[in-house]
């Protein structure tokens, strides 16, 4: 039986300024394993998301198993293993929000965008995510549009917001007349 090595050279380019930034961050933290979350934040900030070769690079740098680095990166919802869209839409699925209809909001957004939670539209414009709880129960159902928490959402309001993003991308202002 012949086996082939399917692993490709995924070593990040050492001349890449983003990799140099990671090296500086790891060195500043004395390559301590307990600095993993800070280093992952720096990597995501630099790359926009956590690429597999960057996770491997961090694992080697901190002398951690890749499974540990991957486990931390997938545990926290603020880390992303895929490129994010230009706009982000996060629907809270906590108990108060769910009881007040966040599931209907999420379903309407999935239908409007043609994607499921955790995905980005094919034009890389909108990422749809969910969160266990935003801590904004008093304004349930709550959402985060491009980093801004907005409460008392319903399917129609949320869909209108993303339609506004889509219209701007397609060269139409919501204020322009047809």
N, C-alpha and C. Protein backbone atom coordinates (compact mmCIF):
# COMPACT_ATOMS: atom_id res chain seq x y z
N UNK A 1 0.85 -1.17 0.00
CA UNK A 1 0.00 0.00 0.00
C UNK A 1 0.89 1.23 0.00
N UNK A 2 0.61 2.11 -0.92
CA UNK A 2 1.41 3.31 -1.02
C UNK A 2 0.67 4.46 -0.35
N UNK A 3 1.38 5.20 0.48
CA UNK A 3 0.78 6.37 1.11
C UNK A 3 1.44 7.61 0.54
N UNK A 4 0.66 8.61 0.44
CA UNK A 4 1.21 9.87 -0.06
C UNK A 4 1.06 10.93 1.00
N UNK A 5 2.00 11.83 1.03
CA UNK A 5 1.95 12.93 1.97
C UNK A 5 1.11 14.03 1.34
N UNK A 6 -0.07 14.24 1.88
CA UNK A 6 -0.96 15.25 1.33
C UNK A 6 -0.76 16.60 1.99
N UNK A 7 0.11 16.68 2.97
CA UNK A 7 0.34 17.95 3.64
C UNK A 7 1.12 18.88 2.72
N UNK A 8 0.62 20.07 2.59
CA UNK A 8 1.30 21.06 1.77
C UNK A 8 2.11 21.97 2.68
N UNK A 9 2.99 22.73 2.08
CA UNK A 9 3.77 23.67 2.85
C UNK A 9 2.87 24.83 3.26
N UNK A 10 2.47 24.84 4.51
CA UNK A 10 1.56 25.86 5.00
C UNK A 10 2.28 26.84 5.91
N UNK A 11 3.58 26.80 5.93
CA UNK A 11 4.36 27.71 6.77
C UNK A 11 4.10 29.15 6.33
N UNK A 12 3.66 30.00 7.26
CA UNK A 12 3.43 31.40 6.90
C UNK A 12 4.74 32.07 6.46
N UNK A 13 4.60 33.04 5.61
CA UNK A 13 5.74 33.79 5.10
C UNK A 13 6.33 34.64 6.22
N UNK A 14 7.60 34.40 6.56
CA UNK A 14 8.25 35.11 7.67
C UNK A 14 8.43 36.60 7.38
N UNK A 15 8.34 36.99 6.11
CA UNK A 15 8.48 38.42 5.79
C UNK A 15 7.14 39.16 5.90
N UNK A 16 6.07 38.42 6.10
CA UNK A 16 4.75 39.01 6.25
C UNK A 16 4.72 39.80 7.56
N UNK A 17 4.35 41.06 7.49
CA UNK A 17 4.32 41.92 8.68
C UNK A 17 3.38 41.40 9.74
N UNK A 18 2.33 40.70 9.32
CA UNK A 18 1.38 40.15 10.29
C UNK A 18 2.03 39.03 11.11
N UNK A 19 2.87 38.23 10.46
CA UNK A 19 3.59 37.16 11.17
C UNK A 19 4.61 37.78 12.12
N UNK A 20 5.26 38.83 11.67
CA UNK A 20 6.22 39.53 12.55
C UNK A 20 5.50 40.07 13.79
N UNK A 21 4.28 40.57 13.60
CA UNK A 21 3.49 41.07 14.71
C UNK A 21 3.17 39.94 15.69
N UNK A 22 2.85 38.75 15.17
CA UNK A 22 2.60 37.59 16.04
C UNK A 22 3.87 37.20 16.79
N UNK A 23 5.01 37.22 16.08
CA UNK A 23 6.28 36.89 16.73
C UNK A 23 6.56 37.84 17.89
N UNK A 24 6.33 39.12 17.65
CA UNK A 24 6.56 40.12 18.70
C UNK A 24 5.63 39.87 19.88
N UNK A 25 4.38 39.57 19.60
CA UNK A 25 3.40 39.32 20.66
C UNK A 25 3.77 38.09 21.47
N UNK A 26 4.18 37.01 20.78
CA UNK A 26 4.58 35.80 21.52
C UNK A 26 5.83 36.07 22.35
N UNK A 27 6.79 36.81 21.78
CA UNK A 27 8.02 37.11 22.51
C UNK A 27 7.73 37.98 23.72
N UNK A 28 6.88 39.01 23.54
CA UNK A 28 6.52 39.90 24.64
C UNK A 28 5.89 39.11 25.80
N UNK A 29 5.18 38.04 25.47
CA UNK A 29 4.55 37.18 26.48
C UNK A 29 5.44 36.01 26.89
N UNK A 30 6.72 36.07 26.48
CA UNK A 30 7.71 35.05 26.84
C UNK A 30 7.27 33.64 26.42
N UNK A 31 6.53 33.57 25.32
CA UNK A 31 6.06 32.30 24.76
C UNK A 31 5.27 31.48 25.78
N UNK A 32 4.62 32.19 26.72
CA UNK A 32 3.81 31.51 27.75
C UNK A 32 2.54 30.96 27.13
N UNK A 33 2.23 29.74 27.49
CA UNK A 33 1.04 29.10 26.96
C UNK A 33 -0.24 29.77 27.44
N UNK A 34 -0.18 30.39 28.61
CA UNK A 34 -1.38 31.05 29.13
C UNK A 34 -1.68 32.38 28.42
N UNK A 35 -0.84 32.76 27.47
CA UNK A 35 -1.09 33.96 26.67
C UNK A 35 -1.80 33.62 25.35
N UNK A 36 -2.26 32.39 25.22
CA UNK A 36 -2.86 31.93 23.97
C UNK A 36 -4.01 32.81 23.50
N UNK A 37 -4.92 33.17 24.39
CA UNK A 37 -6.08 33.96 23.96
C UNK A 37 -5.64 35.33 23.45
N UNK A 38 -4.72 35.97 24.13
CA UNK A 38 -4.22 37.27 23.67
C UNK A 38 -3.57 37.14 22.29
N UNK A 39 -2.82 36.08 22.09
CA UNK A 39 -2.13 35.88 20.81
C UNK A 39 -3.14 35.56 19.71
N UNK A 40 -4.17 34.78 20.02
CA UNK A 40 -5.22 34.52 19.04
C UNK A 40 -5.95 35.82 18.67
N UNK A 41 -6.20 36.68 19.66
CA UNK A 41 -6.83 37.97 19.36
C UNK A 41 -5.95 38.79 18.42
N UNK A 42 -4.66 38.81 18.69
CA UNK A 42 -3.74 39.56 17.84
C UNK A 42 -3.73 38.98 16.43
N UNK A 43 -3.75 37.66 16.32
CA UNK A 43 -3.75 37.01 15.00
C UNK A 43 -5.02 37.34 14.24
N UNK A 44 -6.16 37.27 14.91
CA UNK A 44 -7.41 37.56 14.22
C UNK A 44 -7.46 39.03 13.81
N UNK A 45 -6.97 39.89 14.66
CA UNK A 45 -6.93 41.31 14.33
C UNK A 45 -6.05 41.56 13.10
N UNK A 46 -4.94 40.86 13.02
CA UNK A 46 -4.00 41.06 11.91
C UNK A 46 -4.48 40.41 10.61
N UNK A 47 -5.06 39.22 10.69
CA UNK A 47 -5.43 38.46 9.50
C UNK A 47 -6.92 38.57 9.13
N UNK A 48 -7.73 39.04 10.06
CA UNK A 48 -9.16 39.12 9.83
C UNK A 48 -9.90 37.87 10.27
N UNK A 49 -9.21 36.77 10.32
CA UNK A 49 -9.75 35.50 10.82
C UNK A 49 -8.55 34.60 11.12
N UNK A 50 -8.80 33.46 11.74
CA UNK A 50 -7.73 32.55 12.13
C UNK A 50 -7.54 31.46 11.07
N UNK A 51 -6.59 31.70 10.20
CA UNK A 51 -6.28 30.75 9.13
C UNK A 51 -5.65 29.50 9.74
N UNK A 52 -5.85 28.33 9.13
CA UNK A 52 -5.27 27.10 9.67
C UNK A 52 -3.74 27.17 9.82
N UNK A 53 -3.05 27.75 8.85
CA UNK A 53 -1.59 27.81 8.97
C UNK A 53 -1.15 28.76 10.08
N UNK A 54 -1.95 29.75 10.40
CA UNK A 54 -1.63 30.65 11.50
C UNK A 54 -1.84 29.93 12.83
N UNK A 55 -2.90 29.13 12.93
CA UNK A 55 -3.11 28.34 14.15
C UNK A 55 -1.94 27.39 14.37
N UNK A 56 -1.47 26.76 13.30
CA UNK A 56 -0.32 25.86 13.40
C UNK A 56 0.93 26.63 13.84
N UNK A 57 1.12 27.81 13.30
CA UNK A 57 2.28 28.64 13.64
C UNK A 57 2.26 29.02 15.12
N UNK A 58 1.09 29.39 15.61
CA UNK A 58 0.95 29.74 17.03
C UNK A 58 1.20 28.52 17.91
N UNK A 59 0.64 27.38 17.52
CA UNK A 59 0.84 26.14 18.29
C UNK A 59 2.32 25.82 18.40
N UNK A 60 3.05 25.91 17.29
CA UNK A 60 4.50 25.64 17.33
C UNK A 60 5.22 26.66 18.20
N UNK A 61 4.84 27.94 18.05
CA UNK A 61 5.51 29.00 18.80
C UNK A 61 5.32 28.87 20.30
N UNK A 62 4.16 28.43 20.72
CA UNK A 62 3.87 28.29 22.15
C UNK A 62 4.11 26.87 22.66
N UNK A 63 4.54 25.99 21.76
CA UNK A 63 4.77 24.58 22.10
C UNK A 63 3.51 23.94 22.71
N UNK A 64 2.40 24.18 22.01
CA UNK A 64 1.11 23.61 22.40
C UNK A 64 0.63 22.67 21.31
N UNK A 65 -0.15 21.64 21.69
CA UNK A 65 -0.75 20.80 20.65
C UNK A 65 -1.72 21.63 19.81
N UNK A 66 -1.76 21.39 18.52
CA UNK A 66 -2.67 22.10 17.64
C UNK A 66 -4.12 21.93 18.11
N UNK A 67 -4.44 20.77 18.65
CA UNK A 67 -5.81 20.52 19.12
C UNK A 67 -6.19 21.50 20.23
N UNK A 68 -5.26 21.88 21.06
CA UNK A 68 -5.54 22.84 22.14
C UNK A 68 -5.79 24.23 21.57
N UNK A 69 -4.96 24.65 20.63
CA UNK A 69 -5.11 25.96 20.00
C UNK A 69 -6.44 26.01 19.24
N UNK A 70 -6.72 24.97 18.48
CA UNK A 70 -7.96 24.89 17.73
C UNK A 70 -9.16 24.87 18.68
N UNK A 71 -9.04 24.14 19.78
CA UNK A 71 -10.12 24.05 20.76
C UNK A 71 -10.46 25.41 21.36
N UNK A 72 -9.45 26.19 21.69
CA UNK A 72 -9.69 27.53 22.24
C UNK A 72 -10.29 28.43 21.16
N UNK A 73 -9.76 28.33 19.94
CA UNK A 73 -10.25 29.18 18.84
C UNK A 73 -11.70 28.89 18.49
N UNK A 74 -12.14 27.66 18.67
CA UNK A 74 -13.53 27.31 18.34
C UNK A 74 -14.46 27.46 19.53
N UNK A 75 -13.93 27.50 20.74
CA UNK A 75 -14.76 27.63 21.93
C UNK A 75 -15.35 29.04 22.05
N UNK A 76 -14.52 30.04 21.83
CA UNK A 76 -14.96 31.42 21.98
C UNK A 76 -15.57 31.93 20.69
N UNK A 77 -16.81 32.44 20.75
CA UNK A 77 -17.52 32.83 19.54
C UNK A 77 -16.93 34.06 18.85
N UNK A 78 -16.08 34.80 19.54
CA UNK A 78 -15.49 35.98 18.90
C UNK A 78 -14.36 35.63 17.94
N UNK A 79 -13.88 34.39 18.02
CA UNK A 79 -12.85 33.96 17.06
C UNK A 79 -13.54 33.36 15.85
N UNK A 80 -12.97 33.59 14.69
CA UNK A 80 -13.55 33.07 13.46
C UNK A 80 -12.48 32.32 12.66
N UNK A 81 -12.85 31.15 12.15
CA UNK A 81 -11.94 30.36 11.33
C UNK A 81 -12.18 30.61 9.84
N UNK A 82 -13.14 31.47 9.54
CA UNK A 82 -13.46 31.79 8.14
C UNK A 82 -13.41 33.30 7.98
N UNK A 83 -13.13 33.77 6.77
CA UNK A 83 -13.15 35.22 6.57
C UNK A 83 -14.53 35.79 6.86
N UNK A 84 -14.55 36.93 7.47
CA UNK A 84 -15.82 37.58 7.79
C UNK A 84 -16.24 38.51 6.67
N UNK A 85 -17.53 38.78 6.62
CA UNK A 85 -18.04 39.72 5.64
C UNK A 85 -17.71 41.15 6.04
N UNK A 86 -17.98 42.06 5.13
CA UNK A 86 -17.78 43.48 5.40
C UNK A 86 -18.67 43.90 6.56
N UNK A 87 -19.88 43.37 6.60
CA UNK A 87 -20.83 43.67 7.67
C UNK A 87 -21.07 42.41 8.49
N UNK A 88 -21.30 42.60 9.79
CA UNK A 88 -21.60 41.45 10.64
C UNK A 88 -22.94 41.66 11.33
N UNK A 89 -23.65 40.56 11.46
CA UNK A 89 -24.97 40.56 12.06
C UNK A 89 -25.01 39.39 13.05
N UNK A 90 -25.14 39.71 14.34
CA UNK A 90 -25.15 38.68 15.39
C UNK A 90 -26.52 38.70 16.06
N UNK A 91 -27.17 37.55 16.09
CA UNK A 91 -28.48 37.42 16.73
C UNK A 91 -28.29 36.73 18.07
N UNK A 92 -28.78 37.35 19.13
CA UNK A 92 -28.70 36.76 20.46
C UNK A 92 -29.72 35.62 20.57
N UNK A 93 -29.26 34.46 21.05
CA UNK A 93 -30.16 33.32 21.21
C UNK A 93 -30.33 32.96 22.70
N UNK A 94 -30.00 33.92 23.58
CA UNK A 94 -30.20 33.71 25.01
C UNK A 94 -31.67 33.52 25.32
N UNK A 95 -31.98 33.07 26.52
CA UNK A 95 -33.35 32.72 26.89
C UNK A 95 -34.32 33.88 26.68
N UNK A 96 -34.01 35.06 27.20
CA UNK A 96 -34.94 36.20 27.08
C UNK A 96 -35.16 36.56 25.61
N UNK A 97 -34.09 36.58 24.84
CA UNK A 97 -34.21 36.93 23.41
C UNK A 97 -34.98 35.85 22.66
N UNK A 98 -34.69 34.60 22.98
CA UNK A 98 -35.37 33.49 22.29
C UNK A 98 -36.87 33.52 22.56
N UNK A 99 -37.23 33.72 23.84
CA UNK A 99 -38.64 33.76 24.21
C UNK A 99 -39.36 34.90 23.50
N UNK A 100 -38.62 35.99 23.24
CA UNK A 100 -39.23 37.16 22.58
C UNK A 100 -39.06 37.14 21.06
N UNK A 101 -38.59 36.02 20.50
CA UNK A 101 -38.63 35.87 19.05
C UNK A 101 -37.33 35.92 18.27
N UNK A 102 -36.19 35.79 18.94
CA UNK A 102 -34.94 35.85 18.17
C UNK A 102 -34.81 34.70 17.18
N UNK A 103 -35.47 33.57 17.46
CA UNK A 103 -35.43 32.46 16.51
C UNK A 103 -36.12 32.85 15.20
N UNK A 104 -37.21 33.60 15.28
CA UNK A 104 -37.90 34.07 14.07
C UNK A 104 -37.06 35.10 13.31
N UNK A 105 -36.36 35.94 14.07
CA UNK A 105 -35.47 36.93 13.44
C UNK A 105 -34.38 36.20 12.67
N UNK A 106 -33.76 35.21 13.31
CA UNK A 106 -32.68 34.47 12.67
C UNK A 106 -33.17 33.74 11.42
N UNK A 107 -34.33 33.12 11.50
CA UNK A 107 -34.90 32.42 10.34
C UNK A 107 -35.15 33.39 9.19
N UNK A 108 -35.69 34.55 9.49
CA UNK A 108 -35.96 35.55 8.45
C UNK A 108 -34.67 36.04 7.80
N UNK A 109 -33.63 36.23 8.61
CA UNK A 109 -32.34 36.68 8.06
C UNK A 109 -31.71 35.59 7.20
N UNK A 110 -31.78 34.35 7.65
CA UNK A 110 -31.24 33.24 6.84
C UNK A 110 -31.96 33.17 5.50
N UNK A 111 -33.26 33.33 5.52
CA UNK A 111 -34.04 33.29 4.28
C UNK A 111 -33.66 34.46 3.36
N UNK A 112 -33.59 35.66 3.92
CA UNK A 112 -33.28 36.86 3.13
C UNK A 112 -31.87 36.78 2.52
N UNK A 113 -30.90 36.32 3.31
CA UNK A 113 -29.50 36.31 2.86
C UNK A 113 -29.14 35.05 2.08
N UNK A 114 -29.93 34.00 2.21
CA UNK A 114 -29.63 32.75 1.53
C UNK A 114 -28.45 32.01 2.14
N UNK A 115 -28.21 32.24 3.43
CA UNK A 115 -27.12 31.58 4.15
C UNK A 115 -27.65 31.10 5.50
N UNK A 116 -26.84 30.30 6.18
CA UNK A 116 -27.17 29.84 7.52
C UNK A 116 -26.25 30.52 8.52
N UNK A 117 -26.63 30.44 9.79
CA UNK A 117 -25.82 31.02 10.84
C UNK A 117 -24.39 30.46 10.74
N UNK A 118 -23.41 31.32 10.92
CA UNK A 118 -22.00 30.93 10.81
C UNK A 118 -21.44 31.07 9.41
N UNK A 119 -22.25 31.54 8.47
CA UNK A 119 -21.81 31.67 7.08
C UNK A 119 -21.75 33.14 6.67
N UNK A 120 -21.11 33.35 5.53
CA UNK A 120 -20.99 34.67 4.93
C UNK A 120 -21.57 34.61 3.53
N UNK A 121 -22.23 35.68 3.10
CA UNK A 121 -22.82 35.70 1.77
C UNK A 121 -21.72 35.52 0.71
N UNK A 122 -22.11 35.03 -0.45
CA UNK A 122 -21.14 34.72 -1.51
C UNK A 122 -20.37 35.94 -1.99
N UNK A 123 -20.94 37.13 -1.81
CA UNK A 123 -20.23 38.36 -2.19
C UNK A 123 -19.35 38.90 -1.06
N UNK A 124 -19.22 38.12 0.03
CA UNK A 124 -18.41 38.48 1.20
C UNK A 124 -18.85 39.79 1.85
N UNK A 125 -20.12 40.10 1.76
CA UNK A 125 -20.61 41.36 2.32
C UNK A 125 -21.19 41.21 3.72
N UNK A 126 -21.91 40.11 3.99
CA UNK A 126 -22.60 39.98 5.28
C UNK A 126 -22.33 38.62 5.90
N UNK A 127 -21.87 38.64 7.16
CA UNK A 127 -21.71 37.43 7.95
C UNK A 127 -22.84 37.37 8.96
N UNK A 128 -23.46 36.20 9.06
CA UNK A 128 -24.56 35.99 10.00
C UNK A 128 -24.10 35.05 11.10
N UNK A 129 -24.22 35.53 12.34
CA UNK A 129 -23.76 34.74 13.48
C UNK A 129 -24.82 34.75 14.58
N UNK A 130 -24.66 33.84 15.51
CA UNK A 130 -25.52 33.86 16.69
C UNK A 130 -24.62 33.85 17.91
N UNK A 131 -25.18 34.31 19.02
CA UNK A 131 -24.44 34.33 20.29
C UNK A 131 -25.32 33.69 21.35
N UNK A 132 -24.69 33.04 22.31
CA UNK A 132 -25.46 32.41 23.39
C UNK A 132 -26.20 33.45 24.21
N UNK A 133 -25.54 34.59 24.47
CA UNK A 133 -26.18 35.67 25.22
C UNK A 133 -25.34 36.93 25.03
N UNK A 134 -26.02 38.03 24.76
CA UNK A 134 -25.33 39.32 24.63
C UNK A 134 -25.35 40.10 25.94
N UNK A 135 -26.12 39.63 26.90
CA UNK A 135 -26.23 40.34 28.17
C UNK A 135 -27.09 41.58 28.06
N UNK A 136 -27.98 41.60 27.10
CA UNK A 136 -28.86 42.75 26.88
C UNK A 136 -30.31 42.32 27.01
N UNK A 137 -30.60 41.54 28.04
CA UNK A 137 -31.91 40.93 28.20
C UNK A 137 -33.03 41.95 28.32
N UNK A 138 -32.75 43.11 28.85
CA UNK A 138 -33.77 44.13 29.03
C UNK A 138 -34.29 44.71 27.72
N UNK A 139 -33.56 44.51 26.63
CA UNK A 139 -33.99 45.03 25.33
C UNK A 139 -34.21 43.89 24.33
N UNK A 140 -34.53 42.72 24.88
CA UNK A 140 -34.71 41.52 24.05
C UNK A 140 -35.85 41.70 23.06
N UNK A 141 -35.75 41.08 21.89
CA UNK A 141 -34.58 40.36 21.36
C UNK A 141 -33.53 41.34 20.83
N UNK A 142 -32.29 41.07 21.19
CA UNK A 142 -31.18 41.96 20.85
C UNK A 142 -30.33 41.38 19.74
N UNK A 143 -29.72 42.30 19.00
CA UNK A 143 -28.81 41.92 17.92
C UNK A 143 -27.62 42.87 17.94
N UNK A 144 -26.56 42.47 17.25
CA UNK A 144 -25.41 43.34 17.07
C UNK A 144 -25.20 43.51 15.57
N UNK A 145 -25.35 44.74 15.10
CA UNK A 145 -25.10 45.08 13.71
C UNK A 145 -23.79 45.85 13.65
N UNK A 146 -22.79 45.27 13.00
CA UNK A 146 -21.48 45.92 12.87
C UNK A 146 -20.97 46.49 14.19
N UNK A 147 -21.10 45.71 15.26
CA UNK A 147 -20.55 46.11 16.55
C UNK A 147 -21.47 46.95 17.41
N UNK A 148 -22.65 47.32 16.91
CA UNK A 148 -23.59 48.13 17.68
C UNK A 148 -24.77 47.27 18.12
N UNK A 149 -25.00 47.23 19.44
CA UNK A 149 -26.11 46.46 19.98
C UNK A 149 -27.40 47.24 19.76
N UNK A 150 -28.40 46.55 19.20
CA UNK A 150 -29.71 47.14 18.96
C UNK A 150 -30.76 46.19 19.51
N UNK A 151 -31.68 46.72 20.28
CA UNK A 151 -32.69 45.90 20.92
C UNK A 151 -34.05 46.00 20.28
N UNK A 152 -34.97 45.20 20.85
CA UNK A 152 -36.37 45.16 20.43
C UNK A 152 -36.50 44.89 18.93
N UNK A 153 -35.76 43.90 18.45
CA UNK A 153 -35.77 43.57 17.03
C UNK A 153 -36.92 42.62 16.70
N UNK A 154 -37.39 42.72 15.48
CA UNK A 154 -38.34 41.73 14.96
C UNK A 154 -37.85 41.37 13.56
N UNK A 155 -38.40 40.32 12.97
CA UNK A 155 -37.89 39.88 11.66
C UNK A 155 -37.89 40.99 10.61
N UNK A 156 -38.94 41.80 10.57
CA UNK A 156 -39.04 42.84 9.54
C UNK A 156 -37.96 43.90 9.70
N UNK A 157 -37.73 44.36 10.93
CA UNK A 157 -36.71 45.39 11.19
C UNK A 157 -35.32 44.87 10.82
N UNK A 158 -35.02 43.64 11.24
CA UNK A 158 -33.70 43.06 10.97
C UNK A 158 -33.48 42.88 9.47
N UNK A 159 -34.49 42.39 8.77
CA UNK A 159 -34.37 42.19 7.32
C UNK A 159 -34.18 43.53 6.62
N UNK A 160 -34.89 44.57 7.06
CA UNK A 160 -34.73 45.90 6.44
C UNK A 160 -33.30 46.41 6.62
N UNK A 161 -32.70 46.14 7.78
CA UNK A 161 -31.32 46.58 8.03
C UNK A 161 -30.37 45.92 7.03
N UNK A 162 -30.46 44.62 6.85
CA UNK A 162 -29.54 43.95 5.92
C UNK A 162 -29.87 44.29 4.47
N UNK A 163 -31.14 44.55 4.18
CA UNK A 163 -31.48 45.00 2.82
C UNK A 163 -30.81 46.34 2.53
N UNK A 164 -30.74 47.20 3.53
CA UNK A 164 -30.05 48.48 3.37
C UNK A 164 -28.59 48.28 3.02
N UNK A 165 -27.94 47.32 3.69
CA UNK A 165 -26.54 47.01 3.36
C UNK A 165 -26.44 46.51 1.93
N UNK A 166 -27.35 45.59 1.56
CA UNK A 166 -27.31 45.01 0.22
C UNK A 166 -27.55 46.07 -0.85
N UNK A 167 -28.46 46.99 -0.61
CA UNK A 167 -28.76 48.03 -1.59
C UNK A 167 -27.56 48.96 -1.80
N UNK A 168 -26.85 49.28 -0.72
CA UNK A 168 -25.66 50.13 -0.86
C UNK A 168 -24.58 49.42 -1.66
N UNK A 169 -24.43 48.12 -1.45
CA UNK A 169 -23.44 47.34 -2.19
C UNK A 169 -23.78 47.30 -3.67
N UNK A 170 -25.06 47.18 -3.97
CA UNK A 170 -25.51 47.08 -5.36
C UNK A 170 -25.65 48.44 -6.03
N UNK A 171 -25.21 49.50 -5.35
CA UNK A 171 -25.23 50.82 -5.95
C UNK A 171 -26.54 51.56 -5.84
N UNK A 172 -27.43 51.05 -5.01
CA UNK A 172 -28.72 51.71 -4.82
C UNK A 172 -28.78 52.22 -3.41
N UNK A 173 -29.10 53.45 -3.25
CA UNK A 173 -29.32 54.01 -1.93
C UNK A 173 -30.77 53.75 -1.54
N UNK A 174 -31.02 53.38 -0.28
CA UNK A 174 -32.41 53.17 0.14
C UNK A 174 -33.23 54.45 -0.05
N UNK A 175 -32.59 55.60 -0.17
CA UNK A 175 -33.30 56.86 -0.32
C UNK A 175 -33.57 57.21 -1.78
N UNK A 176 -32.91 56.51 -2.72
CA UNK A 176 -33.11 56.79 -4.13
C UNK A 176 -34.46 56.28 -4.58
N UNK A 177 -35.07 57.02 -5.48
CA UNK A 177 -36.34 56.55 -6.01
C UNK A 177 -36.09 55.69 -7.23
N UNK A 178 -36.97 54.73 -7.48
CA UNK A 178 -36.81 53.83 -8.62
C UNK A 178 -37.22 54.50 -9.90
